[in-house]
Structures are given as structure tokens and as C-alpha cells.
PDB file of N, CA and C in Angstrom:
ATOM      1  N   MET A   1     195.933 245.976 113.389  1.00  0.00           N
ATOM      2  CA  MET A   1     197.185 245.329 112.719  1.00  0.00           C
ATOM      3  C   MET A   1     196.768 243.950 112.124  1.00  0.00           C
ATOM      4  N   VAL A   2     196.069 243.265 112.957  1.00  0.00           N
ATOM      5  CA  VAL A   2     195.683 241.943 112.248  1.00  0.00           C
ATOM      6  C   VAL A   2     194.998 242.315 110.933  1.00  0.00           C
ATOM      7  N   ALA A   3     193.697 243.065 110.875  1.00  0.00           N
ATOM      8  CA  ALA A   3     193.175 243.595 109.654  1.00  0.00           C
ATOM      9  C   ALA A   3     194.044 243.980 108.342  1.00  0.00           C
ATOM     10  N   SER A   4     195.419 244.655 108.830  1.00  0.00           N
ATOM     11  CA  SER A   4     196.112 244.922 107.661  1.00  0.00           C
ATOM     12  C   SER A   4     196.786 243.782 107.180  1.00  0.00           C
ATOM     13  N   GLY A   5     196.875 242.581 107.742  1.00  0.00           N
ATOM     14  CA  GLY A   5     197.553 241.644 107.383  1.00  0.00           C
ATOM     15  C   GLY A   5     199.044 241.336 108.040  1.00  0.00           C
ATOM     16  N   ALA A   6     199.306 242.333 109.200  1.00  0.00           N
ATOM     17  CA  ALA A   6     200.432 242.127 109.913  1.00  0.00           C
ATOM     18  C   ALA A   6     200.573 240.709 110.616  1.00  0.00           C
ATOM     19  N   THR A   7     201.904 240.435 111.029  1.00  0.00           N
ATOM     20  CA  THR A   7     201.976 239.147 111.555  1.00  0.00           C
ATOM     21  C   THR A   7     201.957 239.760 112.970  1.00  0.00           C
ATOM     22  N   VAL A   8     200.993 239.237 113.755  1.00  0.00           N
ATOM     23  CA  VAL A   8     200.841 239.692 115.310  1.00  0.00           C
ATOM     24  C   VAL A   8     201.189 238.650 116.273  1.00  0.00           C
ATOM     25  N   ALA A   9     202.362 239.045 117.142  1.00  0.00           N
ATOM     26  CA  ALA A   9     202.750 237.793 117.895  1.00  0.00           C
ATOM     27  C   ALA A   9     202.223 238.383 119.440  1.00  0.00           C
ATOM     28  N   ALA A  10     201.886 237.607 120.334  1.00  0.00           N
ATOM     29  CA  ALA A  10     201.184 237.871 121.845  1.00  0.00           C
ATOM     30  C   ALA A  10     202.202 237.843 122.721  1.00  0.00           C
ATOM     31  N   GLY A  11     202.032 238.705 123.986  1.00  0.00           N
ATOM     32  CA  GLY A  11     202.577 238.587 125.035  1.00  0.00           C
ATOM     33  C   GLY A  11     201.995 239.127 126.055  1.00  0.00           C
ATOM     34  N   SER A  12     202.642 239.639 127.397  1.00  0.00           N
ATOM     35  CA  SER A  12     201.913 240.259 128.258  1.00  0.00           C
ATOM     36  C   SER A  12     202.700 241.762 128.442  1.00  0.00           C
ATOM     37  N   ASP A  13     202.001 242.555 129.132  1.00  0.00           N
ATOM     38  CA  ASP A  13     202.349 244.221 129.301  1.00  0.00           C
ATOM     39  C   ASP A  13     202.648 244.018 130.824  1.00  0.00           C
ATOM     40  N   TRP A  14     203.229 242.790 131.554  1.00  0.00           N
ATOM     41  CA  TRP A  14     203.020 242.657 133.140  1.00  0.00           C
ATOM     42  C   TRP A  14     203.899 243.712 133.382  1.00  0.00           C
ATOM     43  N   THR A  15     203.515 244.797 134.299  1.00  0.00           N
ATOM     44  CA  THR A  15     202.578 244.517 135.299  1.00  0.00           C
ATOM     45  C   THR A  15     201.003 245.247 134.905  1.00  0.00           C
ATOM     46  N   VAL A  16     201.021 245.723 134.150  1.00  0.00           N
ATOM     47  CA  VAL A  16     199.736 246.395 133.648  1.00  0.00           C
ATOM     48  C   VAL A  16     198.724 245.531 133.168  1.00  0.00           C
ATOM     49  N   SER A  17     199.021 244.333 132.777  1.00  0.00           N
ATOM     50  CA  SER A  17     198.007 243.072 132.124  1.00  0.00           C
ATOM     51  C   SER A  17     198.497 241.755 132.900  1.00  0.00           C
ATOM     52  N   SER A  18     197.826 240.684 132.980  1.00  0.00           N
ATOM     53  CA  SER A  18     197.815 239.551 133.262  1.00  0.00           C
ATOM     54  C   SER A  18     198.864 238.659 132.581  1.00  0.00           C
ATOM     55  N   MET A  19     199.861 238.090 133.155  1.00  0.00           N
ATOM     56  CA  MET A  19     200.719 236.966 132.623  1.00  0.00           C
ATOM     57  C   MET A  19     199.937 235.865 132.102  1.00  0.00           C
ATOM     58  N   ASN A  20     198.774 235.600 132.378  1.00  0.00           N
ATOM     59  CA  ASN A  20     198.161 234.439 132.114  1.00  0.00           C
ATOM     60  C   ASN A  20     197.453 234.668 130.398  1.00  0.00           C
ATOM     61  N   PRO A  21     198.018 233.768 129.697  1.00  0.00           N
ATOM     62  CA  PRO A  21     197.694 234.031 128.275  1.00  0.00           C
ATOM     63  C   PRO A  21     196.272 233.804 128.099  1.00  0.00           C
ATOM     64  N   LEU A  22     195.600 232.953 128.977  1.00  0.00           N
ATOM     65  CA  LEU A  22     194.190 232.639 128.639  1.00  0.00           C
ATOM     66  C   LEU A  22     193.335 233.999 129.014  1.00  0.00           C
ATOM     67  N   GLU A  23     193.870 234.631 130.004  1.00  0.00           N
ATOM     68  CA  GLU A  23     193.064 235.940 130.388  1.00  0.00           C
ATOM     69  C   GLU A  23     193.404 236.755 129.172  1.00  0.00           C
ATOM     70  N   ALA A  24     194.848 237.083 128.604  1.00  0.00           N
ATOM     71  CA  ALA A  24     194.823 237.866 127.487  1.00  0.00           C
ATOM     72  C   ALA A  24     194.096 237.496 126.144  1.00  0.00           C
ATOM     73  N   ILE A  25     194.041 236.107 126.017  1.00  0.00           N
ATOM     74  CA  ILE A  25     193.284 235.831 124.601  1.00  0.00           C
ATOM     75  C   ILE A  25     191.749 236.432 124.947  1.00  0.00           C
ATOM     76  N   GLN A  26     191.071 235.946 126.206  1.00  0.00           N
ATOM     77  CA  GLN A  26     189.763 236.399 126.570  1.00  0.00           C
ATOM     78  C   GLN A  26     189.850 237.878 126.074  1.00  0.00           C
ATOM     79  N   VAL A  27     190.555 238.735 126.763  1.00  0.00           N
ATOM     80  CA  VAL A  27     190.416 240.232 126.964  1.00  0.00           C
ATOM     81  C   VAL A  27     190.566 240.313 125.198  1.00  0.00           C
ATOM     82  N   ALA A  28     191.141 240.113 124.489  1.00  0.00           N
ATOM     83  CA  ALA A  28     191.458 240.329 122.892  1.00  0.00           C
ATOM     84  C   ALA A  28     190.247 239.867 122.297  1.00  0.00           C
ATOM     85  N   MET A  29     189.602 238.802 122.672  1.00  0.00           N
ATOM     86  CA  MET A  29     188.412 238.606 122.154  1.00  0.00           C
ATOM     87  C   MET A  29     187.052 239.157 122.407  1.00  0.00           C
ATOM     88  N   THR A  30     187.158 239.595 123.736  1.00  0.00           N
ATOM     89  CA  THR A  30     185.864 240.261 124.209  1.00  0.00           C
ATOM     90  C   THR A  30     186.206 241.647 124.406  1.00  0.00           C
ATOM     91  N   ARG A  31     187.260 242.186 124.441  1.00  0.00           N
ATOM     92  CA  ARG A  31     187.693 243.559 124.714  1.00  0.00           C
ATOM     93  C   ARG A  31     187.089 243.983 125.933  1.00  0.00           C
ATOM     94  N   ARG A  32     187.163 243.397 127.103  1.00  0.00           N
ATOM     95  CA  ARG A  32     186.521 243.653 128.322  1.00  0.00           C
ATOM     96  C   ARG A  32     187.497 242.599 129.070  1.00  0.00           C
ATOM     97  N   SER A  33     187.690 243.207 130.628  1.00  0.00           N
ATOM     98  CA  SER A  33     188.394 242.647 131.704  1.00  0.00           C
ATOM     99  C   SER A  33     187.687 241.115 131.949  1.00  0.00           C
ATOM    100  N   PRO A  34     188.135 240.207 132.287  1.00  0.00           N
ATOM    101  CA  PRO A  34     187.761 239.009 132.822  1.00  0.00           C
ATOM    102  C   PRO A  34     187.058 239.158 133.936  1.00  0.00           C
ATOM    103  N   THR A  35     187.463 240.082 134.827  1.00  0.00           N
ATOM    104  CA  THR A  35     186.617 240.341 135.976  1.00  0.00           C
ATOM    105  C   THR A  35     185.353 241.256 135.983  1.00  0.00           C
ATOM    106  N   ASP A  36     185.199 242.218 134.604  1.00  0.00           N
ATOM    107  CA  ASP A  36     184.115 242.992 134.628  1.00  0.00           C
ATOM    108  C   ASP A  36     183.757 242.935 133.377  1.00  0.00           C
ATOM    109  N   SER A  37     182.615 241.981 132.973  1.00  0.00           N
ATOM    110  CA  SER A  37     182.451 241.820 131.638  1.00  0.00           C
ATOM    111  C   SER A  37     181.014 242.461 131.556  1.00  0.00           C
ATOM    112  N   ALA A  38     180.641 243.471 132.059  1.00  0.00           N
ATOM    113  CA  ALA A  38     179.364 244.253 132.006  1.00  0.00           C
ATOM    114  C   ALA A  38     179.800 245.488 131.195  1.00  0.00           C
ATOM    115  N   GLY A  39     178.753 246.119 130.362  1.00  0.00           N
ATOM    116  CA  GLY A  39     178.972 247.052 129.657  1.00  0.00           C
ATOM    117  C   GLY A  39     179.661 247.003 128.340  1.00  0.00           C
ATOM    118  N   PRO A  40     179.803 247.917 127.893  1.00  0.00           N
ATOM    119  CA  PRO A  40     180.087 247.912 126.228  1.00  0.00           C
ATOM    120  C   PRO A  40     181.723 247.481 126.178  1.00  0.00           C
ATOM    121  N   PRO A  41     182.104 246.735 125.106  1.00  0.00           N
ATOM    122  CA  PRO A  41     183.487 246.402 125.013  1.00  0.00           C
ATOM    123  C   PRO A  41     184.373 247.584 124.660  1.00  0.00           C
ATOM    124  N   TRP A  42     185.607 247.598 125.312  1.00  0.00           N
ATOM    125  CA  TRP A  42     186.419 248.812 124.900  1.00  0.00           C
ATOM    126  C   TRP A  42     186.931 248.622 123.536  1.00  0.00           C
ATOM    127  N   ILE A  43     186.616 249.622 122.546  1.00  0.00           N
ATOM    128  CA  ILE A  43     187.200 249.821 121.308  1.00  0.00           C
ATOM    129  C   ILE A  43     186.723 248.339 120.573  1.00  0.00           C
ATOM    130  N   PRO A  44     185.545 248.121 120.472  1.00  0.00           N
ATOM    131  CA  PRO A  44     185.144 247.061 119.765  1.00  0.00           C
ATOM    132  C   PRO A  44     185.459 246.423 118.335  1.00  0.00           C
ATOM    133  N   ALA A  45     185.766 247.583 117.698  1.00  0.00           N
ATOM    134  CA  ALA A  45     186.457 247.333 116.445  1.00  0.00           C
ATOM    135  C   ALA A  45     187.918 246.580 116.413  1.00  0.00           C
ATOM    136  N   GLU A  46     188.531 246.286 117.696  1.00  0.00           N
ATOM    137  CA  GLU A  46     189.303 245.879 117.730  1.00  0.00           C
ATOM    138  C   GLU A  46     189.502 244.236 118.227  1.00  0.00           C
ATOM    139  N   VAL A  47     188.343 243.641 118.251  1.00  0.00           N
ATOM    140  CA  VAL A  47     188.075 242.265 118.794  1.00  0.00           C
ATOM    141  C   VAL A  47     188.685 241.687 117.567  1.00  0.00           C
ATOM    142  N   VAL A  48     189.313 240.394 118.016  1.00  0.00           N
ATOM    143  CA  VAL A  48     189.755 239.373 117.108  1.00  0.00           C
ATOM    144  C   VAL A  48     189.259 238.215 117.718  1.00  0.00           C
ATOM    145  N   ASP A  49     189.412 236.850 116.812  1.00  0.00           N
ATOM    146  CA  ASP A  49     188.827 235.705 116.724  1.00  0.00           C
ATOM    147  C   ASP A  49     189.996 234.680 117.493  1.00  0.00           C
ATOM    148  N   LEU A  50     189.623 233.710 118.306  1.00  0.00           N
ATOM    149  CA  LEU A  50     190.422 232.754 118.762  1.00  0.00           C
ATOM    150  C   LEU A  50     191.498 232.377 117.850  1.00  0.00           C
ATOM    151  N   GLY A  51     191.172 231.821 116.771  1.00  0.00           N
ATOM    152  CA  GLY A  51     192.301 231.537 115.920  1.00  0.00           C
ATOM    153  C   GLY A  51     193.131 232.500 115.771  1.00  0.00           C
ATOM    154  N   THR A  52     193.170 233.589 115.549  1.00  0.00           N
ATOM    155  CA  THR A  52     193.889 234.819 115.518  1.00  0.00           C
ATOM    156  C   THR A  52     194.861 234.945 116.755  1.00  0.00           C
ATOM    157  N   MET A  53     194.482 234.632 117.921  1.00  0.00           N
ATOM    158  CA  MET A  53     195.036 234.813 119.259  1.00  0.00           C
ATOM    159  C   MET A  53     195.591 233.472 119.433  1.00  0.00           C
ATOM    160  N   LEU A  54     195.246 232.516 119.171  1.00  0.00           N
ATOM    161  CA  LEU A  54     196.102 231.077 119.269  1.00  0.00           C
ATOM    162  C   LEU A  54     197.282 231.104 118.283  1.00  0.00           C
ATOM    163  N   ARG A  55     197.230 231.578 117.001  1.00  0.00           N
ATOM    164  CA  ARG A  55     198.318 231.942 116.458  1.00  0.00           C
ATOM    165  C   ARG A  55     199.381 232.948 116.884  1.00  0.00           C
ATOM    166  N   ALA A  56     198.925 234.000 117.672  1.00  0.00           N
ATOM    167  CA  ALA A  56     199.599 235.067 117.938  1.00  0.00           C
ATOM    168  C   ALA A  56     200.354 234.234 119.242  1.00  0.00           C
ATOM    169  N   TYR A  57     199.863 233.352 120.136  1.00  0.00           N
ATOM    170  CA  TYR A  57     200.538 232.934 120.744  1.00  0.00           C
ATOM    171  C   TYR A  57     201.615 231.673 120.561  1.00  0.00           C
ATOM    172  N   THR A  58     201.481 231.263 119.416  1.00  0.00           N
ATOM    173  CA  THR A  58     202.167 229.955 119.051  1.00  0.00           C
ATOM    174  C   THR A  58     203.023 230.281 117.678  1.00  0.00           C
ATOM    175  N   VAL A  59     202.739 230.153 116.574  1.00  0.00           N
ATOM    176  CA  VAL A  59     203.467 230.030 115.241  1.00  0.00           C
ATOM    177  C   VAL A  59     203.927 231.541 114.930  1.00  0.00           C
ATOM    178  N   ASN A  60     203.032 232.605 115.617  1.00  0.00           N
ATOM    179  CA  ASN A  60     203.494 234.021 115.223  1.00  0.00           C
ATOM    180  C   ASN A  60     204.637 234.506 116.238  1.00  0.00           C
ATOM    181  N   GLY A  61     204.350 233.575 117.527  1.00  0.00           N
ATOM    182  CA  GLY A  61     205.386 234.173 118.617  1.00  0.00           C
ATOM    183  C   GLY A  61     206.852 233.568 118.053  1.00  0.00           C
ATOM    184  N   ALA A  62     206.743 232.309 117.440  1.00  0.00           N
ATOM    185  CA  ALA A  62     208.172 231.514 117.041  1.00  0.00           C
ATOM    186  C   ALA A  62     208.665 232.316 115.957  1.00  0.00           C
ATOM    187  N   PHE A  63     207.581 232.950 115.006  1.00  0.00           N
ATOM    188  CA  PHE A  63     208.314 233.508 113.844  1.00  0.00           C
ATOM    189  C   PHE A  63     208.649 234.982 114.538  1.00  0.00           C
ATOM    190  N   ALA A  64     208.126 235.675 115.387  1.00  0.00           N
ATOM    191  CA  ALA A  64     208.606 236.684 115.831  1.00  0.00           C
ATOM    192  C   ALA A  64     210.158 236.699 116.618  1.00  0.00           C
ATOM    193  N   ALA A  65     210.314 235.467 116.945  1.00  0.00           N
ATOM    194  CA  ALA A  65     211.443 235.325 117.669  1.00  0.00           C
ATOM    195  C   ALA A  65     212.557 234.324 116.706  1.00  0.00           C
ATOM    196  N   PHE A  66     212.379 234.261 115.556  1.00  0.00           N
ATOM    197  CA  PHE A  66     213.127 233.813 114.550  1.00  0.00           C
ATOM    198  C   PHE A  66     213.182 232.291 115.061  1.00  0.00           C
ATOM    199  N   ASP A  67     212.298 231.698 115.383  1.00  0.00           N
ATOM    200  CA  ASP A  67     212.520 230.273 116.033  1.00  0.00           C
ATOM    201  C   ASP A  67     211.480 229.347 115.319  1.00  0.00           C
ATOM    202  N   GLU A  68     210.845 229.900 114.051  1.00  0.00           N
ATOM    203  CA  GLU A  68     209.851 228.804 113.507  1.00  0.00           C
ATOM    204  C   GLU A  68     210.200 227.487 113.081  1.00  0.00           C
ATOM    205  N   ALA A  69     211.635 227.463 112.728  1.00  0.00           N
ATOM    206  CA  ALA A  69     212.055 226.143 112.171  1.00  0.00           C
ATOM    207  C   ALA A  69     212.006 225.010 113.468  1.00  0.00           C
ATOM    208  N   THR A  70     212.020 225.453 114.667  1.00  0.00           N
ATOM    209  CA  THR A  70     211.965 224.369 116.000  1.00  0.00           C
ATOM    210  C   THR A  70     210.795 224.515 116.940  1.00  0.00           C
ATOM    211  N   THR A  71     210.169 225.773 116.757  1.00  0.00           N
ATOM    212  CA  THR A  71     208.786 226.075 117.700  1.00  0.00           C
ATOM    213  C   THR A  71     207.627 226.577 116.953  1.00  0.00           C
ATOM    214  N   GLY A  72     206.664 226.479 117.624  1.00  0.00           N
ATOM    215  CA  GLY A  72     205.622 227.419 117.277  1.00  0.00           C
ATOM    216  C   GLY A  72     204.284 226.477 116.620  1.00  0.00           C
ATOM    217  N   THR A  73     204.677 225.413 116.075  1.00  0.00           N
ATOM    218  CA  THR A  73     203.515 224.322 115.625  1.00  0.00           C
ATOM    219  C   THR A  73     204.023 222.884 115.824  1.00  0.00           C
ATOM    220  N   LEU A  74     203.279 221.962 115.938  1.00  0.00           N
ATOM    221  CA  LEU A  74     203.161 220.727 116.365  1.00  0.00           C
ATOM    222  C   LEU A  74     203.442 219.838 115.055  1.00  0.00           C
ATOM    223  N   GLU A  75     204.750 219.654 114.876  1.00  0.00           N
ATOM    224  CA  GLU A  75     205.278 219.020 113.969  1.00  0.00           C
ATOM    225  C   GLU A  75     206.528 218.162 114.301  1.00  0.00           C
ATOM    226  N   VAL A  76     206.533 216.910 113.663  1.00  0.00           N
ATOM    227  CA  VAL A  76     207.614 216.039 113.994  1.00  0.00           C
ATOM    228  C   VAL A  76     209.102 216.771 113.717  1.00  0.00           C
ATOM    229  N   GLY A  77     210.323 216.557 114.716  1.00  0.00           N
ATOM    230  CA  GLY A  77     211.236 217.550 114.793  1.00  0.00           C
ATOM    231  C   GLY A  77     211.173 218.650 115.400  1.00  0.00           C
ATOM    232  N   LYS A  78     210.085 219.123 115.800  1.00  0.00           N
ATOM    233  CA  LYS A  78     209.919 220.503 116.569  1.00  0.00           C
ATOM    234  C   LYS A  78     209.948 220.147 118.077  1.00  0.00           C
ATOM    235  N   ALA A  79     210.287 221.191 119.101  1.00  0.00           N
ATOM    236  CA  ALA A  79     210.039 221.079 120.300  1.00  0.00           C
ATOM    237  C   ALA A  79     208.761 220.894 120.391  1.00  0.00           C
ATOM    238  N   ALA A  80     208.156 219.708 121.560  1.00  0.00           N
ATOM    239  CA  ALA A  80     206.956 219.577 121.703  1.00  0.00           C
ATOM    240  C   ALA A  80     206.665 220.399 123.308  1.00  0.00           C
ATOM    241  N   ASP A  81     206.310 221.656 123.250  1.00  0.00           N
ATOM    242  CA  ASP A  81     206.109 222.294 124.353  1.00  0.00           C
ATOM    243  C   ASP A  81     204.579 222.590 124.187  1.00  0.00           C
ATOM    244  N   VAL A  82     203.639 221.841 124.986  1.00  0.00           N
ATOM    245  CA  VAL A  82     202.513 221.812 124.924  1.00  0.00           C
ATOM    246  C   VAL A  82     201.644 221.938 126.101  1.00  0.00           C
ATOM    247  N   ILE A  83     200.519 222.603 126.117  1.00  0.00           N
ATOM    248  CA  ILE A  83     199.689 222.423 127.241  1.00  0.00           C
ATOM    249  C   ILE A  83     198.198 221.744 127.055  1.00  0.00           C
ATOM    250  N   VAL A  84     197.678 221.094 127.995  1.00  0.00           N
ATOM    251  CA  VAL A  84     196.611 220.452 127.902  1.00  0.00           C
ATOM    252  C   VAL A  84     195.479 220.942 128.765  1.00  0.00           C
ATOM    253  N   LEU A  85     194.449 221.574 128.259  1.00  0.00           N
ATOM    254  CA  LEU A  85     193.488 222.375 129.077  1.00  0.00           C
ATOM    255  C   LEU A  85     192.251 221.267 129.619  1.00  0.00           C
ATOM    256  N   ASP A  86     191.636 221.978 130.435  1.00  0.00           N
ATOM    257  CA  ASP A  86     190.361 221.041 131.042  1.00  0.00           C
ATOM    258  C   ASP A  86     189.303 221.085 130.025  1.00  0.00           C
ATOM    259  N   ARG A  87     189.342 222.099 128.966  1.00  0.00           N
ATOM    260  CA  ARG A  87     187.972 222.155 128.045  1.00  0.00           C
ATOM    261  C   ARG A  87     188.669 222.823 126.885  1.00  0.00           C
ATOM    262  N   ASP A  88     187.657 222.697 125.936  1.00  0.00           N
ATOM    263  CA  ASP A  88     188.104 222.943 124.380  1.00  0.00           C
ATOM    264  C   ASP A  88     187.587 224.457 124.176  1.00  0.00           C
ATOM    265  N   LEU A  89     188.574 225.333 123.852  1.00  0.00           N
ATOM    266  CA  LEU A  89     188.275 226.663 123.898  1.00  0.00           C
ATOM    267  C   LEU A  89     187.343 227.009 122.687  1.00  0.00           C
ATOM    268  N   THR A  90     187.156 226.030 121.634  1.00  0.00           N
ATOM    269  CA  THR A  90     186.583 226.548 120.553  1.00  0.00           C
ATOM    270  C   THR A  90     185.057 226.261 120.952  1.00  0.00           C
ATOM    271  N   ARG A  91     184.636 225.667 122.177  1.00  0.00           N
ATOM    272  CA  ARG A  91     183.410 225.026 122.281  1.00  0.00           C
ATOM    273  C   ARG A  91     182.720 225.896 123.583  1.00  0.00           C
ATOM    274  N   ILE A  92     183.432 227.201 123.893  1.00  0.00           N
ATOM    275  CA  ILE A  92     182.951 227.754 125.204  1.00  0.00           C
ATOM    276  C   ILE A  92     182.857 229.137 124.669  1.00  0.00           C
ATOM    277  N   PRO A  93     181.994 229.859 125.531  1.00  0.00           N
ATOM    278  CA  PRO A  93     181.901 231.466 125.102  1.00  0.00           C
ATOM    279  C   PRO A  93     183.151 231.941 125.385  1.00  0.00           C
ATOM    280  N   PRO A  94     183.389 233.054 124.561  1.00  0.00           N
ATOM    281  CA  PRO A  94     185.081 233.712 125.003  1.00  0.00           C
ATOM    282  C   PRO A  94     185.148 234.340 126.311  1.00  0.00           C
ATOM    283  N   ALA A  95     183.789 234.709 127.050  1.00  0.00           N
ATOM    284  CA  ALA A  95     183.932 235.353 128.387  1.00  0.00           C
ATOM    285  C   ALA A  95     184.366 234.236 129.312  1.00  0.00           C
ATOM    286  N   GLU A  96     184.492 232.922 129.006  1.00  0.00           N
ATOM    287  CA  GLU A  96     184.626 231.783 130.087  1.00  0.00           C
ATOM    288  C   GLU A  96     186.279 231.120 129.491  1.00  0.00           C
ATOM    289  N   ILE A  97     186.817 232.027 128.834  1.00  0.00           N
ATOM    290  CA  ILE A  97     188.038 231.428 128.447  1.00  0.00           C
ATOM    291  C   ILE A  97     189.100 231.474 129.826  1.00  0.00           C
ATOM    292  N   HIS A  98     189.004 232.704 130.610  1.00  0.00           N
ATOM    293  CA  HIS A  98     189.853 232.530 131.863  1.00  0.00           C
ATOM    294  C   HIS A  98     189.566 231.800 132.810  1.00  0.00           C
ATOM    295  N   ARG A  99     188.555 230.965 132.694  1.00  0.00           N
ATOM    296  CA  ARG A  99     188.058 229.842 133.563  1.00  0.00           C
ATOM    297  C   ARG A  99     189.095 228.388 133.366  1.00  0.00           C
ATOM    298  N   ALA A 100     189.481 228.221 131.952  1.00  0.00           N
ATOM    299  CA  ALA A 100     189.990 227.247 131.645  1.00  0.00           C
ATOM    300  C   ALA A 100     191.337 226.938 132.567  1.00  0.00           C
ATOM    301  N   ARG A 101     191.513 225.678 133.107  1.00  0.00           N
ATOM    302  CA  ARG A 101     192.585 225.428 133.805  1.00  0.00           C
ATOM    303  C   ARG A 101     193.642 224.266 132.819  1.00  0.00           C
ATOM    304  N   VAL A 102     195.044 224.456 133.061  1.00  0.00           N
ATOM    305  CA  VAL A 102     195.962 223.840 132.770  1.00  0.00           C
ATOM    306  C   VAL A 102     196.061 222.425 133.253  1.00  0.00           C
ATOM    307  N   LEU A 103     195.948 221.376 132.779  1.00  0.00           N
ATOM    308  CA  LEU A 103     195.965 219.926 133.098  1.00  0.00           C
ATOM    309  C   LEU A 103     197.262 219.509 133.393  1.00  0.00           C
ATOM    310  N   LEU A 104     198.049 219.540 132.095  1.00  0.00           N
ATOM    311  CA  LEU A 104     199.445 219.169 131.891  1.00  0.00           C
ATOM    312  C   LEU A 104     200.150 219.932 130.977  1.00  0.00           C
ATOM    313  N   THR A 105     201.649 220.237 131.488  1.00  0.00           N
ATOM    314  CA  THR A 105     202.420 220.825 130.675  1.00  0.00           C
ATOM    315  C   THR A 105     203.475 220.172 130.291  1.00  0.00           C
ATOM    316  N   LEU A 106     203.867 220.116 128.752  1.00  0.00           N
ATOM    317  CA  LEU A 106     204.989 219.459 128.324  1.00  0.00           C
ATOM    318  C   LEU A 106     205.758 220.290 127.830  1.00  0.00           C
ATOM    319  N   LEU A 107     207.329 220.130 128.263  1.00  0.00           N
ATOM    320  CA  LEU A 107     208.221 221.014 127.941  1.00  0.00           C
ATOM    321  C   LEU A 107     209.332 220.302 127.039  1.00  0.00           C
ATOM    322  N   ASP A 108     209.390 220.292 125.763  1.00  0.00           N
ATOM    323  CA  ASP A 108     210.262 219.576 125.081  1.00  0.00           C
ATOM    324  C   ASP A 108     209.653 218.145 125.154  1.00  0.00           C
ATOM    325  N   GLY A 109     208.420 217.710 125.250  1.00  0.00           N
ATOM    326  CA  GLY A 109     207.955 216.624 125.034  1.00  0.00           C
ATOM    327  C   GLY A 109     207.862 215.733 126.679  1.00  0.00           C
ATOM    328  N   LYS A 110     208.552 216.554 127.611  1.00  0.00           N
ATOM    329  CA  LYS A 110     208.456 216.025 128.764  1.00  0.00           C
ATOM    330  C   LYS A 110     207.403 216.639 129.892  1.00  0.00           C
ATOM    331  N   PRO A 111     206.835 215.866 130.862  1.00  0.00           N
ATOM    332  CA  PRO A 111     205.902 216.545 131.689  1.00  0.00           C
ATOM    333  C   PRO A 111     206.661 217.407 132.777  1.00  0.00           C
ATOM    334  N   VAL A 112     206.350 218.595 132.801  1.00  0.00           N
ATOM    335  CA  VAL A 112     206.771 219.451 134.002  1.00  0.00           C
ATOM    336  C   VAL A 112     205.928 219.981 134.977  1.00  0.00           C
ATOM    337  N   TYR A 113     204.639 219.738 134.628  1.00  0.00           N
ATOM    338  CA  TYR A 113     203.154 220.017 135.426  1.00  0.00           C
ATOM    339  C   TYR A 113     202.184 219.066 135.061  1.00  0.00           C
ATOM    340  N   ARG A 114     201.643 218.609 136.141  1.00  0.00           N
ATOM    341  CA  ARG A 114     200.433 217.679 135.952  1.00  0.00           C
ATOM    342  C   ARG A 114     199.361 218.120 137.152  1.00  0.00           C
ATOM    343  N   ASP A 115     198.385 218.403 136.921  1.00  0.00           N
ATOM    344  CA  ASP A 115     197.147 218.939 137.751  1.00  0.00           C
ATOM    345  C   ASP A 115     196.820 217.754 138.585  1.00  0.00           C
ATOM    346  N   ARG A 116     196.424 217.886 139.954  1.00  0.00           N
ATOM    347  CA  ARG A 116     196.037 216.671 140.752  1.00  0.00           C
ATOM    348  C   ARG A 116     195.276 215.817 140.415  1.00  0.00           C
ATOM    349  N   VAL A 117     194.154 216.380 139.313  1.00  0.00           N
ATOM    350  CA  VAL A 117     193.020 215.504 138.870  1.00  0.00           C
ATOM    351  C   VAL A 117     193.903 214.359 137.824  1.00  0.00           C
ATOM    352  N   LEU A 118     195.102 214.680 137.341  1.00  0.00           N
ATOM    353  CA  LEU A 118     195.668 213.632 136.397  1.00  0.00           C
ATOM    354  C   LEU A 118     196.325 212.861 137.151  1.00  0.00           C
ATOM    355  N   ARG A 119     196.876 212.650 138.514  1.00  0.00           N
ATOM    356  CA  ARG A 119     197.836 212.221 139.420  1.00  0.00           C
ATOM    357  C   ARG A 119     196.877 210.827 139.660  1.00  0.00           C
TER     358      ARG A 119
END
């Protein structure tokens, strides 16, 4: 779908996949389970890059929900729903994405979760 130019929004197929978006991003990039990285990837032609998956969970998700005017990107006047991770996903191997920890969560700009590391 991505190769055809379709706008792809991401989500989970809970209960058959993880609700953790970091695990889903890793699976999309590696086409392997986070707990089983050995062997060939499943349908390797469907591997996507990190930018594609980050857009799928942010701007494309907002677009799919008809909410791109108020969410999906970090801009003045939009809802500031943001997470801060303990590492830069662009600087680690895709197989390590599931290990990233959320340190801070902001909902509409207000902290709703803070890891004990930041307390």
C-alpha cells in the first residue's frame, strides 16, 4: 500500500498483535517478531522505513480520523499529545526499537505520565 502512494494509518490488531506502537513499528520495519529475530523476515517486500511508520502513527492517523486540523503534527494551535523516549529511534537498529522506554507523556501539553527516572 505504501509503495502505491496510499495514506497508511497505523494501529493495533489487539489481541493478535501488541498494543505497544513501538513493537508494531519494529515489526513493520523488520518483518519479524520482537521476541524472535532469527531467520528470514516474513514477506520482506513489505518492510517499511521508520519515517513511514512514524507518519502512520501521527499525521496519517490524524488524517484518517478527519482530525488533522488539530492533531498529528507539532504545530502552534494543535493539541500537544507527545511522548519522550529514552533514546533516538533514528540512531538505533530497528531490532532494538521495542526496547525504547517512554519517559514522559504529555496529553494536550500537560504531563500525564513521568517515569521515575525523571522524578
